[in-house]
Full PDB file with SEQRES, HELIX, SHEET, SSBOND, CRYST1, ORIGX, SCALE, CONECT and MASTER records, all heavy atoms in Angstrom:
SEQRES   1 A   33  PHE SER LEU VAL PHE ILE ILE GLY LEU LEU GLN ASP VAL          
SEQRES   2 A   33  LEU THR GLY ALA PRO LEU GLY LEU HIS ALA PHE VAL TYR          
SEQRES   3 A   33  LEU LEU CYS GLN TRP GLN LEU                                  
HELIX    1 AA1 SER A    2  THR A   15  1                                  14    
HELIX    2 AA2 LEU A   21  GLN A   32  1                                  12    
CRYST1    1.000    1.000    1.000  90.00  90.00  90.00 P 1           1          
ORIGX1      1.000000  0.000000  0.000000        0.00000                         
ORIGX2      0.000000  1.000000  0.000000        0.00000                         
ORIGX3      0.000000  0.000000  1.000000        0.00000                         
SCALE1      1.000000  0.000000  0.000000        0.00000                         
SCALE2      0.000000  1.000000  0.000000        0.00000                         
SCALE3      0.000000  0.000000  1.000000        0.00000                         
ATOM      1  N   PHE A   1      56.556 -90.366  79.628  1.00  0.00           N  
ATOM      2  CA  PHE A   1      57.572 -90.240  78.580  1.00  0.00           C  
ATOM      3  C   PHE A   1      56.974 -90.438  77.184  1.00  0.00           C  
ATOM      4  O   PHE A   1      57.372 -89.756  76.245  1.00  0.00           O  
ATOM      5  CB  PHE A   1      58.701 -91.247  78.800  1.00  0.00           C  
ATOM      6  CG  PHE A   1      59.620 -90.881  79.931  1.00  0.00           C  
ATOM      7  CD1 PHE A   1      59.612 -91.595  81.108  1.00  0.00           C  
ATOM      8  CD2 PHE A   1      60.484 -89.815  79.814  1.00  0.00           C  
ATOM      9  CE1 PHE A   1      60.452 -91.263  82.151  1.00  0.00           C  
ATOM     10  CE2 PHE A   1      61.333 -89.466  80.846  1.00  0.00           C  
ATOM     11  CZ  PHE A   1      61.316 -90.197  82.020  1.00  0.00           C  
ATOM     12  N   SER A   2      56.030 -91.352  77.056  1.00  0.00           N  
ATOM     13  CA  SER A   2      55.444 -91.611  75.736  1.00  0.00           C  
ATOM     14  C   SER A   2      54.690 -90.391  75.208  1.00  0.00           C  
ATOM     15  O   SER A   2      54.766 -90.074  74.015  1.00  0.00           O  
ATOM     16  CB  SER A   2      54.512 -92.821  75.800  1.00  0.00           C  
ATOM     17  OG  SER A   2      53.490 -92.604  76.760  1.00  0.00           O  
ATOM     18  N   LEU A   3      53.981 -89.690  76.075  1.00  0.00           N  
ATOM     19  CA  LEU A   3      53.262 -88.487  75.663  1.00  0.00           C  
ATOM     20  C   LEU A   3      54.230 -87.383  75.264  1.00  0.00           C  
ATOM     21  O   LEU A   3      54.026 -86.693  74.262  1.00  0.00           O  
ATOM     22  CB  LEU A   3      52.343 -88.006  76.783  1.00  0.00           C  
ATOM     23  CG  LEU A   3      51.544 -86.740  76.511  1.00  0.00           C  
ATOM     24  CD1 LEU A   3      50.604 -86.948  75.340  1.00  0.00           C  
ATOM     25  CD2 LEU A   3      50.784 -86.332  77.747  1.00  0.00           C  
ATOM     26  N   VAL A   4      55.307 -87.239  76.007  1.00  0.00           N  
ATOM     27  CA  VAL A   4      56.315 -86.229  75.682  1.00  0.00           C  
ATOM     28  C   VAL A   4      56.963 -86.553  74.334  1.00  0.00           C  
ATOM     29  O   VAL A   4      57.210 -85.649  73.520  1.00  0.00           O  
ATOM     30  CB  VAL A   4      57.365 -86.132  76.805  1.00  0.00           C  
ATOM     31  CG1 VAL A   4      58.522 -85.246  76.408  1.00  0.00           C  
ATOM     32  CG2 VAL A   4      56.716 -85.633  78.081  1.00  0.00           C  
ATOM     33  N   PHE A   5      57.208 -87.813  74.071  1.00  0.00           N  
ATOM     34  CA  PHE A   5      57.785 -88.218  72.787  1.00  0.00           C  
ATOM     35  C   PHE A   5      56.849 -87.886  71.633  1.00  0.00           C  
ATOM     36  O   PHE A   5      57.277 -87.341  70.609  1.00  0.00           O  
ATOM     37  CB  PHE A   5      58.100 -89.721  72.815  1.00  0.00           C  
ATOM     38  CG  PHE A   5      58.730 -90.225  71.564  1.00  0.00           C  
ATOM     39  CD1 PHE A   5      60.055 -89.958  71.293  1.00  0.00           C  
ATOM     40  CD2 PHE A   5      58.003 -90.960  70.652  1.00  0.00           C  
ATOM     41  CE1 PHE A   5      60.652 -90.423  70.134  1.00  0.00           C  
ATOM     42  CE2 PHE A   5      58.582 -91.424  69.498  1.00  0.00           C  
ATOM     43  CZ  PHE A   5      59.915 -91.158  69.233  1.00  0.00           C  
ATOM     44  N   ILE A   6      55.567 -88.170  71.794  1.00  0.00           N  
ATOM     45  CA  ILE A   6      54.579 -87.883  70.749  1.00  0.00           C  
ATOM     46  C   ILE A   6      54.462 -86.383  70.516  1.00  0.00           C  
ATOM     47  O   ILE A   6      54.382 -85.914  69.370  1.00  0.00           O  
ATOM     48  CB  ILE A   6      53.221 -88.511  71.105  1.00  0.00           C  
ATOM     49  CG1 ILE A   6      53.320 -90.032  71.012  1.00  0.00           C  
ATOM     50  CG2 ILE A   6      52.107 -87.990  70.211  1.00  0.00           C  
ATOM     51  CD1 ILE A   6      52.148 -90.779  71.574  1.00  0.00           C  
ATOM     52  N   ILE A   7      54.484 -85.610  71.587  1.00  0.00           N  
ATOM     53  CA  ILE A   7      54.424 -84.154  71.454  1.00  0.00           C  
ATOM     54  C   ILE A   7      55.659 -83.632  70.721  1.00  0.00           C  
ATOM     55  O   ILE A   7      55.557 -82.749  69.868  1.00  0.00           O  
ATOM     56  CB  ILE A   7      54.257 -83.502  72.838  1.00  0.00           C  
ATOM     57  CG1 ILE A   7      52.855 -83.779  73.361  1.00  0.00           C  
ATOM     58  CG2 ILE A   7      54.526 -82.009  72.797  1.00  0.00           C  
ATOM     59  CD1 ILE A   7      52.646 -83.423  74.807  1.00  0.00           C  
ATOM     60  N   GLY A   8      56.805 -84.176  71.023  1.00  0.00           N  
ATOM     61  CA  GLY A   8      58.025 -83.780  70.327  1.00  0.00           C  
ATOM     62  C   GLY A   8      57.984 -84.122  68.847  1.00  0.00           C  
ATOM     63  O   GLY A   8      58.412 -83.328  68.006  1.00  0.00           O  
ATOM     64  N   LEU A   9      57.464 -85.300  68.518  1.00  0.00           N  
ATOM     65  CA  LEU A   9      57.340 -85.670  67.106  1.00  0.00           C  
ATOM     66  C   LEU A   9      56.344 -84.763  66.384  1.00  0.00           C  
ATOM     67  O   LEU A   9      56.571 -84.381  65.230  1.00  0.00           O  
ATOM     68  CB  LEU A   9      56.913 -87.130  66.969  1.00  0.00           C  
ATOM     69  CG  LEU A   9      57.975 -88.171  67.273  1.00  0.00           C  
ATOM     70  CD1 LEU A   9      57.407 -89.572  67.080  1.00  0.00           C  
ATOM     71  CD2 LEU A   9      59.202 -87.982  66.419  1.00  0.00           C  
ATOM     72  N   LEU A  10      55.258 -84.410  67.064  1.00  0.00           N  
ATOM     73  CA  LEU A  10      54.291 -83.483  66.473  1.00  0.00           C  
ATOM     74  C   LEU A  10      54.938 -82.137  66.192  1.00  0.00           C  
ATOM     75  O   LEU A  10      54.737 -81.546  65.125  1.00  0.00           O  
ATOM     76  CB  LEU A  10      53.083 -83.314  67.399  1.00  0.00           C  
ATOM     77  CG  LEU A  10      52.025 -82.317  66.962  1.00  0.00           C  
ATOM     78  CD1 LEU A  10      51.325 -82.810  65.703  1.00  0.00           C  
ATOM     79  CD2 LEU A  10      51.037 -82.068  68.074  1.00  0.00           C  
ATOM     80  N   GLN A  11      55.734 -81.666  67.133  1.00  0.00           N  
ATOM     81  CA  GLN A  11      56.448 -80.398  66.942  1.00  0.00           C  
ATOM     82  C   GLN A  11      57.401 -80.491  65.748  1.00  0.00           C  
ATOM     83  O   GLN A  11      57.492 -79.555  64.952  1.00  0.00           O  
ATOM     84  CB  GLN A  11      57.222 -80.053  68.210  1.00  0.00           C  
ATOM     85  CG  GLN A  11      58.040 -78.800  68.120  1.00  0.00           C  
ATOM     86  CD  GLN A  11      57.309 -77.584  68.616  1.00  0.00           C  
ATOM     87  OE1 GLN A  11      56.277 -77.694  69.239  1.00  0.00           O  
ATOM     88  NE2 GLN A  11      57.868 -76.430  68.347  1.00  0.00           N  
ATOM     89  N   ASP A  12      58.095 -81.605  65.610  1.00  0.00           N  
ATOM     90  CA  ASP A  12      59.018 -81.782  64.488  1.00  0.00           C  
ATOM     91  C   ASP A  12      58.289 -81.789  63.154  1.00  0.00           C  
ATOM     92  O   ASP A  12      58.743 -81.173  62.188  1.00  0.00           O  
ATOM     93  CB  ASP A  12      59.796 -83.092  64.637  1.00  0.00           C  
ATOM     94  CG  ASP A  12      60.793 -83.044  65.763  1.00  0.00           C  
ATOM     95  OD1 ASP A  12      61.213 -81.936  66.130  1.00  0.00           O  
ATOM     96  OD2 ASP A  12      61.147 -84.121  66.280  1.00  0.00           O  
ATOM     97  N   VAL A  13      57.168 -82.480  63.098  1.00  0.00           N  
ATOM     98  CA  VAL A  13      56.413 -82.567  61.845  1.00  0.00           C  
ATOM     99  C   VAL A  13      55.865 -81.197  61.462  1.00  0.00           C  
ATOM    100  O   VAL A  13      55.908 -80.800  60.295  1.00  0.00           O  
ATOM    101  CB  VAL A  13      55.280 -83.606  61.979  1.00  0.00           C  
ATOM    102  CG1 VAL A  13      54.302 -83.515  60.828  1.00  0.00           C  
ATOM    103  CG2 VAL A  13      55.861 -85.003  62.075  1.00  0.00           C  
ATOM    104  N   LEU A  14      55.369 -80.448  62.437  1.00  0.00           N  
ATOM    105  CA  LEU A  14      54.761 -79.150  62.130  1.00  0.00           C  
ATOM    106  C   LEU A  14      55.789 -78.076  61.790  1.00  0.00           C  
ATOM    107  O   LEU A  14      55.500 -77.166  61.004  1.00  0.00           O  
ATOM    108  CB  LEU A  14      53.894 -78.684  63.303  1.00  0.00           C  
ATOM    109  CG  LEU A  14      52.629 -79.507  63.546  1.00  0.00           C  
ATOM    110  CD1 LEU A  14      51.912 -79.000  64.786  1.00  0.00           C  
ATOM    111  CD2 LEU A  14      51.717 -79.472  62.348  1.00  0.00           C  
ATOM    112  N   THR A  15      56.966 -78.142  62.370  1.00  0.00           N  
ATOM    113  CA  THR A  15      57.968 -77.106  62.105  1.00  0.00           C  
ATOM    114  C   THR A  15      58.920 -77.470  60.979  1.00  0.00           C  
ATOM    115  O   THR A  15      59.647 -76.609  60.500  1.00  0.00           O  
ATOM    116  CB  THR A  15      58.809 -76.816  63.364  1.00  0.00           C  
ATOM    117  OG1 THR A  15      59.470 -78.011  63.775  1.00  0.00           O  
ATOM    118  CG2 THR A  15      57.950 -76.269  64.482  1.00  0.00           C  
ATOM    119  N   GLY A  16      58.957 -78.718  60.585  1.00  0.00           N  
ATOM    120  CA  GLY A  16      59.879 -79.142  59.540  1.00  0.00           C  
ATOM    121  C   GLY A  16      61.276 -79.410  60.064  1.00  0.00           C  
ATOM    122  O   GLY A  16      62.228 -79.474  59.289  1.00  0.00           O  
ATOM    123  N   ALA A  17      61.414 -79.554  61.358  1.00  0.00           N  
ATOM    124  CA  ALA A  17      62.711 -79.873  61.963  1.00  0.00           C  
ATOM    125  C   ALA A  17      63.039 -81.344  61.697  1.00  0.00           C  
ATOM    126  O   ALA A  17      62.155 -82.132  61.347  1.00  0.00           O  
ATOM    127  CB  ALA A  17      62.662 -79.605  63.461  1.00  0.00           C  
ATOM    128  N   PRO A  18      64.293 -81.730  61.843  1.00  0.00           N  
ATOM    129  CA  PRO A  18      64.638 -83.153  61.696  1.00  0.00           C  
ATOM    130  C   PRO A  18      63.810 -84.002  62.667  1.00  0.00           C  
ATOM    131  O   PRO A  18      63.663 -83.657  63.840  1.00  0.00           O  
ATOM    132  CB  PRO A  18      66.116 -83.208  62.053  1.00  0.00           C  
ATOM    133  CG  PRO A  18      66.622 -81.831  61.804  1.00  0.00           C  
ATOM    134  CD  PRO A  18      65.484 -80.912  62.092  1.00  0.00           C  
ATOM    135  N   LEU A  19      63.264 -85.080  62.157  1.00  0.00           N  
ATOM    136  CA  LEU A  19      62.358 -85.912  62.933  1.00  0.00           C  
ATOM    137  C   LEU A  19      63.071 -86.492  64.150  1.00  0.00           C  
ATOM    138  O   LEU A  19      64.086 -87.176  64.019  1.00  0.00           O  
ATOM    139  CB  LEU A  19      61.806 -87.032  62.058  1.00  0.00           C  
ATOM    140  CG  LEU A  19      60.509 -87.660  62.508  1.00  0.00           C  
ATOM    141  CD1 LEU A  19      59.414 -86.613  62.596  1.00  0.00           C  
ATOM    142  CD2 LEU A  19      60.092 -88.750  61.556  1.00  0.00           C  
ATOM    143  N   GLY A  20      62.580 -86.189  65.315  1.00  0.00           N  
ATOM    144  CA  GLY A  20      63.137 -86.680  66.555  1.00  0.00           C  
ATOM    145  C   GLY A  20      63.925 -85.651  67.335  1.00  0.00           C  
ATOM    146  O   GLY A  20      64.298 -85.902  68.470  1.00  0.00           O  
ATOM    147  N   LEU A  21      64.172 -84.486  66.760  1.00  0.00           N  
ATOM    148  CA  LEU A  21      64.969 -83.465  67.430  1.00  0.00           C  
ATOM    149  C   LEU A  21      64.256 -82.921  68.667  1.00  0.00           C  
ATOM    150  O   LEU A  21      64.809 -82.950  69.769  1.00  0.00           O  
ATOM    151  CB  LEU A  21      65.293 -82.322  66.467  1.00  0.00           C  
ATOM    152  CG  LEU A  21      66.073 -81.155  67.079  1.00  0.00           C  
ATOM    153  CD1 LEU A  21      67.478 -81.604  67.423  1.00  0.00           C  
ATOM    154  CD2 LEU A  21      66.092 -79.975  66.142  1.00  0.00           C  
ATOM    155  N   HIS A  22      63.047 -82.427  68.498  1.00  0.00           N  
ATOM    156  CA  HIS A  22      62.315 -81.899  69.646  1.00  0.00           C  
ATOM    157  C   HIS A  22      61.939 -83.016  70.623  1.00  0.00           C  
ATOM    158  O   HIS A  22      61.933 -82.808  71.839  1.00  0.00           O  
ATOM    159  CB  HIS A  22      61.064 -81.151  69.192  1.00  0.00           C  
ATOM    160  CG  HIS A  22      61.363 -79.823  68.591  1.00  0.00           C  
ATOM    161  ND1 HIS A  22      61.421 -79.630  67.235  1.00  0.00           N  
ATOM    162  CD2 HIS A  22      61.629 -78.624  69.157  1.00  0.00           C  
ATOM    163  CE1 HIS A  22      61.697 -78.377  66.994  1.00  0.00           C  
ATOM    164  NE2 HIS A  22      61.847 -77.732  68.140  1.00  0.00           N  
ATOM    165  N   ALA A  23      61.630 -84.180  70.098  1.00  0.00           N  
ATOM    166  CA  ALA A  23      61.314 -85.308  70.976  1.00  0.00           C  
ATOM    167  C   ALA A  23      62.501 -85.628  71.878  1.00  0.00           C  
ATOM    168  O   ALA A  23      62.336 -85.848  73.085  1.00  0.00           O  
ATOM    169  CB  ALA A  23      60.931 -86.527  70.145  1.00  0.00           C  
ATOM    170  N   PHE A  24      63.689 -85.625  71.313  1.00  0.00           N  
ATOM    171  CA  PHE A  24      64.890 -85.880  72.104  1.00  0.00           C  
ATOM    172  C   PHE A  24      65.115 -84.792  73.155  1.00  0.00           C  
ATOM    173  O   PHE A  24      65.411 -85.084  74.312  1.00  0.00           O  
ATOM    174  CB  PHE A  24      66.113 -85.992  71.185  1.00  0.00           C  
ATOM    175  CG  PHE A  24      67.406 -86.155  71.919  1.00  0.00           C  
ATOM    176  CD1 PHE A  24      67.705 -87.339  72.571  1.00  0.00           C  
ATOM    177  CD2 PHE A  24      68.323 -85.116  71.980  1.00  0.00           C  
ATOM    178  CE1 PHE A  24      68.898 -87.491  73.256  1.00  0.00           C  
ATOM    179  CE2 PHE A  24      69.506 -85.249  72.664  1.00  0.00           C  
ATOM    180  CZ  PHE A  24      69.806 -86.444  73.308  1.00  0.00           C  
ATOM    181  N   VAL A  25      64.951 -83.531  72.759  1.00  0.00           N  
ATOM    182  CA  VAL A  25      65.167 -82.422  73.690  1.00  0.00           C  
ATOM    183  C   VAL A  25      64.146 -82.468  74.821  1.00  0.00           C  
ATOM    184  O   VAL A  25      64.495 -82.295  75.993  1.00  0.00           O  
ATOM    185  CB  VAL A  25      65.107 -81.076  72.942  1.00  0.00           C  
ATOM    186  CG1 VAL A  25      65.082 -79.913  73.904  1.00  0.00           C  
ATOM    187  CG2 VAL A  25      66.279 -80.950  71.995  1.00  0.00           C  
ATOM    188  N   TYR A  26      62.887 -82.720  74.497  1.00  0.00           N  
ATOM    189  CA  TYR A  26      61.850 -82.766  75.534  1.00  0.00           C  
ATOM    190  C   TYR A  26      62.060 -83.949  76.474  1.00  0.00           C  
ATOM    191  O   TYR A  26      61.895 -83.822  77.691  1.00  0.00           O  
ATOM    192  CB  TYR A  26      60.463 -82.845  74.909  1.00  0.00           C  
ATOM    193  CG  TYR A  26      60.074 -81.635  74.099  1.00  0.00           C  
ATOM    194  CD1 TYR A  26      59.027 -81.693  73.206  1.00  0.00           C  
ATOM    195  CD2 TYR A  26      60.752 -80.430  74.213  1.00  0.00           C  
ATOM    196  CE1 TYR A  26      58.663 -80.592  72.459  1.00  0.00           C  
ATOM    197  CE2 TYR A  26      60.399 -79.327  73.455  1.00  0.00           C  
ATOM    198  CZ  TYR A  26      59.354 -79.412  72.593  1.00  0.00           C  
ATOM    199  OH  TYR A  26      58.997 -78.318  71.843  1.00  0.00           O  
ATOM    200  N   LEU A  27      62.421 -85.097  75.920  1.00  0.00           N  
ATOM    201  CA  LEU A  27      62.680 -86.259  76.772  1.00  0.00           C  
ATOM    202  C   LEU A  27      63.906 -86.048  77.653  1.00  0.00           C  
ATOM    203  O   LEU A  27      63.923 -86.457  78.821  1.00  0.00           O  
ATOM    204  CB  LEU A  27      62.847 -87.517  75.927  1.00  0.00           C  
ATOM    205  CG  LEU A  27      61.565 -88.086  75.337  1.00  0.00           C  
ATOM    206  CD1 LEU A  27      61.900 -89.210  74.367  1.00  0.00           C  
ATOM    207  CD2 LEU A  27      60.639 -88.568  76.427  1.00  0.00           C  
ATOM    208  N   LEU A  28      64.925 -85.415  77.109  1.00  0.00           N  
ATOM    209  CA  LEU A  28      66.124 -85.113  77.890  1.00  0.00           C  
ATOM    210  C   LEU A  28      65.791 -84.155  79.037  1.00  0.00           C  
ATOM    211  O   LEU A  28      66.240 -84.350  80.171  1.00  0.00           O  
ATOM    212  CB  LEU A  28      67.201 -84.523  76.986  1.00  0.00           C  
ATOM    213  CG  LEU A  28      68.576 -84.325  77.593  1.00  0.00           C  
ATOM    214  CD1 LEU A  28      69.195 -85.670  77.944  1.00  0.00           C  
ATOM    215  CD2 LEU A  28      69.460 -83.575  76.621  1.00  0.00           C  
ATOM    216  N   CYS A  29      64.987 -83.144  78.742  1.00  0.00           N  
ATOM    217  CA  CYS A  29      64.557 -82.196  79.773  1.00  0.00           C  
ATOM    218  C   CYS A  29      63.753 -82.915  80.854  1.00  0.00           C  
ATOM    219  O   CYS A  29      63.979 -82.709  82.051  1.00  0.00           O  
ATOM    220  CB  CYS A  29      63.728 -81.081  79.130  1.00  0.00           C  
ATOM    221  SG  CYS A  29      63.017 -79.935  80.302  1.00  0.00           S  
ATOM    222  N   GLN A  30      62.809 -83.756  80.448  1.00  0.00           N  
ATOM    223  CA  GLN A  30      61.987 -84.458  81.421  1.00  0.00           C  
ATOM    224  C   GLN A  30      62.815 -85.421  82.260  1.00  0.00           C  
ATOM    225  O   GLN A  30      62.640 -85.507  83.470  1.00  0.00           O  
ATOM    226  CB  GLN A  30      60.859 -85.211  80.709  1.00  0.00           C  
ATOM    227  CG  GLN A  30      59.881 -85.841  81.676  1.00  0.00           C  
ATOM    228  CD  GLN A  30      58.790 -86.572  80.979  1.00  0.00           C  
ATOM    229  OE1 GLN A  30      58.948 -87.057  79.860  1.00  0.00           O  
ATOM    230  NE2 GLN A  30      57.654 -86.696  81.638  1.00  0.00           N  
ATOM    231  N   TRP A  31      63.724 -86.128  81.634  1.00  0.00           N  
ATOM    232  CA  TRP A  31      64.569 -87.074  82.361  1.00  0.00           C  
ATOM    233  C   TRP A  31      65.436 -86.334  83.381  1.00  0.00           C  
ATOM    234  O   TRP A  31      65.601 -86.781  84.510  1.00  0.00           O  
ATOM    235  CB  TRP A  31      65.428 -87.842  81.357  1.00  0.00           C  
ATOM    236  CG  TRP A  31      66.408 -88.767  81.984  1.00  0.00           C  
ATOM    237  CD1 TRP A  31      66.131 -89.933  82.625  1.00  0.00           C  
ATOM    238  CD2 TRP A  31      67.819 -88.578  82.043  1.00  0.00           C  
ATOM    239  NE1 TRP A  31      67.308 -90.489  83.067  1.00  0.00           N  
ATOM    240  CE2 TRP A  31      68.356 -89.669  82.723  1.00  0.00           C  
ATOM    241  CE3 TRP A  31      68.670 -87.607  81.565  1.00  0.00           C  
ATOM    242  CZ2 TRP A  31      69.702 -89.809  82.953  1.00  0.00           C  
ATOM    243  CZ3 TRP A  31      70.014 -87.747  81.802  1.00  0.00           C  
ATOM    244  CH2 TRP A  31      70.518 -88.840  82.481  1.00  0.00           C  
ATOM    245  N   GLN A  32      65.991 -85.193  82.978  1.00  0.00           N  
ATOM    246  CA  GLN A  32      66.827 -84.407  83.876  1.00  0.00           C  
ATOM    247  C   GLN A  32      66.011 -83.861  85.057  1.00  0.00           C  
ATOM    248  O   GLN A  32      66.468 -83.862  86.194  1.00  0.00           O  
ATOM    249  CB  GLN A  32      67.476 -83.248  83.104  1.00  0.00           C  
ATOM    250  CG  GLN A  32      68.442 -82.422  83.917  1.00  0.00           C  
ATOM    251  CD  GLN A  32      69.687 -83.198  84.279  1.00  0.00           C  
ATOM    252  OE1 GLN A  32      70.080 -84.133  83.582  1.00  0.00           O  
ATOM    253  NE2 GLN A  32      70.318 -82.827  85.365  1.00  0.00           N  
ATOM    254  N   LEU A  33      64.812 -83.390  84.783  1.00  0.00           N  
ATOM    255  CA  LEU A  33      63.970 -82.856  85.847  1.00  0.00           C  
ATOM    256  C   LEU A  33      63.532 -83.939  86.827  1.00  0.00           C  
ATOM    257  O   LEU A  33      63.475 -83.696  88.044  1.00  0.00           O  
ATOM    258  CB  LEU A  33      62.737 -82.178  85.248  1.00  0.00           C  
ATOM    259  CG  LEU A  33      62.983 -80.836  84.609  1.00  0.00           C  
ATOM    260  CD1 LEU A  33      61.749 -80.379  83.863  1.00  0.00           C  
ATOM    261  CD2 LEU A  33      63.392 -79.818  85.644  1.00  0.00           C  
TER     262      LEU A  33                                                      
MASTER        0    0    0    2    0    0    0    6  261    1    0    3          
END                                                                             
């Protein structure tokens, strides 16, 4: 989970999305799977 969170934050920083958006989506996907 920690790696997925870091990857999501990296995606947010690089795309300019609200910080934590991709991290939340990726963690939600991983938790569901």
